[in-house]
Amino acid sequence: MRAALLTAGNIGHVQALSFILSALDYPEYQEEALNALQKYGRQAFPPIEKMLTNPYVPLERRRKLVLFLSRLNSGEGKQILLRNIDIPEQKLRK
């Protein structure tokens, strides 16, 4: 799975984003998934923002996405966080 995440990040195909995002649910693959997301750049922001606001997406995955956006040197990533500052789950805002 690590090789698949690396390849998905290098190829940058939009259809592989759901695979990469779901890999965040597995601690042993989180680092590779985050690296792949970083390679996608702005292309990954719309699905990330949708996941942040979806209460059916696992809380831990959404937490990882918040941390990912906060660590980017991207104004757009910070804007996503600001737009979603009122997310009801208190645990996401800590």
Protein backbone atom coordinates (compact mmCIF):
# COMPACT_ATOMS: atom_id res chain seq x y z
CA MET A 1 0.00 0.00 0.00
CA ARG A 2 2.93 2.33 0.65
CA ALA A 3 4.07 1.98 -2.94
CA ALA A 4 0.55 2.63 -4.19
CA LEU A 5 0.33 5.84 -2.12
CA LEU A 6 3.70 7.00 -3.41
CA THR A 7 2.68 6.29 -6.98
CA ALA A 8 -0.68 8.01 -6.54
CA GLY A 9 1.06 11.11 -5.20
CA ASN A 10 3.52 11.15 -8.08
CA ILE A 11 0.85 10.68 -10.74
CA GLY A 12 -1.49 13.23 -9.19
CA HIS A 13 -4.67 11.85 -10.74
CA VAL A 14 -7.86 13.21 -9.16
CA GLN A 15 -9.48 9.78 -8.98
CA ALA A 16 -6.74 8.53 -6.63
CA LEU A 17 -7.52 11.19 -4.02
CA SER A 18 -10.23 9.13 -2.30
CA PHE A 19 -7.75 6.26 -1.93
CA ILE A 20 -5.15 8.60 -0.42
CA LEU A 21 -7.65 10.25 1.91
CA SER A 22 -8.97 6.92 3.16
CA ALA A 23 -5.40 5.80 3.91
CA LEU A 24 -5.35 8.43 6.67
CA ASP A 25 -7.50 6.03 8.70
CA TYR A 26 -4.55 3.65 9.06
CA PRO A 27 -1.72 4.89 11.30
CA GLU A 28 0.85 2.78 9.47
CA TYR A 29 0.09 4.61 6.19
CA GLN A 30 -0.61 8.14 7.39
CA GLU A 31 2.83 9.53 6.64
CA GLU A 32 2.76 8.27 3.06
CA ALA A 33 -0.81 9.51 2.60
CA LEU A 34 0.10 12.99 3.85
CA ASN A 35 3.14 13.09 1.57
CA ALA A 36 0.97 12.09 -1.38
CA LEU A 37 -1.57 14.79 -0.51
CA GLN A 38 1.16 17.39 -0.37
CA LYS A 39 2.20 16.46 -3.90
CA TYR A 40 -1.36 17.09 -5.10
CA GLY A 41 -1.26 20.66 -3.87
CA ARG A 42 -4.35 22.81 -4.49
CA GLN A 43 -6.01 20.00 -6.41
CA ALA A 44 -6.62 18.20 -3.10
CA PHE A 45 -8.29 21.15 -1.35
CA PRO A 46 -11.91 20.69 -2.55
CA PRO A 47 -12.20 17.05 -1.42
CA ILE A 48 -10.40 17.88 1.83
CA GLU A 49 -12.85 20.67 2.57
CA LYS A 50 -15.81 18.40 1.84
CA MET A 51 -14.44 15.81 4.25
CA LEU A 52 -13.93 18.36 7.01
CA THR A 53 -17.61 19.23 7.00
CA ASN A 54 -18.93 15.69 6.64
CA PRO A 55 -19.87 14.22 10.04
CA TYR A 56 -19.79 10.71 8.55
CA VAL A 57 -16.07 10.92 7.82
CA PRO A 58 -14.11 9.46 10.76
CA LEU A 59 -13.13 12.11 13.28
CA GLU A 60 -9.49 11.04 13.31
CA ARG A 61 -9.24 11.45 9.53
CA ARG A 62 -10.70 14.93 9.76
CA ARG A 63 -8.28 15.76 12.56
CA LYS A 64 -5.36 14.69 10.37
CA LEU A 65 -6.68 16.88 7.55
CA VAL A 66 -6.92 19.90 9.86
CA LEU A 67 -3.31 19.36 10.93
CA PHE A 68 -2.27 18.89 7.31
CA LEU A 69 -3.89 22.19 6.25
CA SER A 70 -2.45 24.05 9.22
CA ARG A 71 1.09 22.97 8.35
CA LEU A 72 0.95 23.99 4.71
CA ASN A 73 2.60 27.19 3.55
CA SER A 74 -0.56 27.96 1.67
CA GLY A 75 -2.93 30.83 2.19
CA GLU A 76 -5.63 28.74 0.54
CA GLY A 77 -5.20 25.96 3.09
CA LYS A 78 -5.55 28.48 5.91
CA GLN A 79 -8.66 29.92 4.24
CA ILE A 80 -10.26 26.47 4.24
CA LEU A 81 -9.64 26.25 7.97
CA LEU A 82 -11.10 29.70 8.56
CA ARG A 83 -14.19 28.95 6.47
CA ASN A 84 -14.77 25.86 8.57
CA ILE A 85 -13.91 27.27 11.97
CA ASP A 86 -17.45 26.62 13.16
CA ILE A 87 -17.23 22.83 12.69
CA PRO A 88 -19.40 21.47 15.51
CA GLU A 89 -16.95 18.83 16.74
CA GLN A 90 -14.97 20.44 19.53
CA LYS A 91 -12.18 17.87 19.11
CA LEU A 92 -11.38 19.18 15.63
CA ARG A 93 -10.75 22.68 16.91
CA LYS A 94 -8.21 21.75 19.58
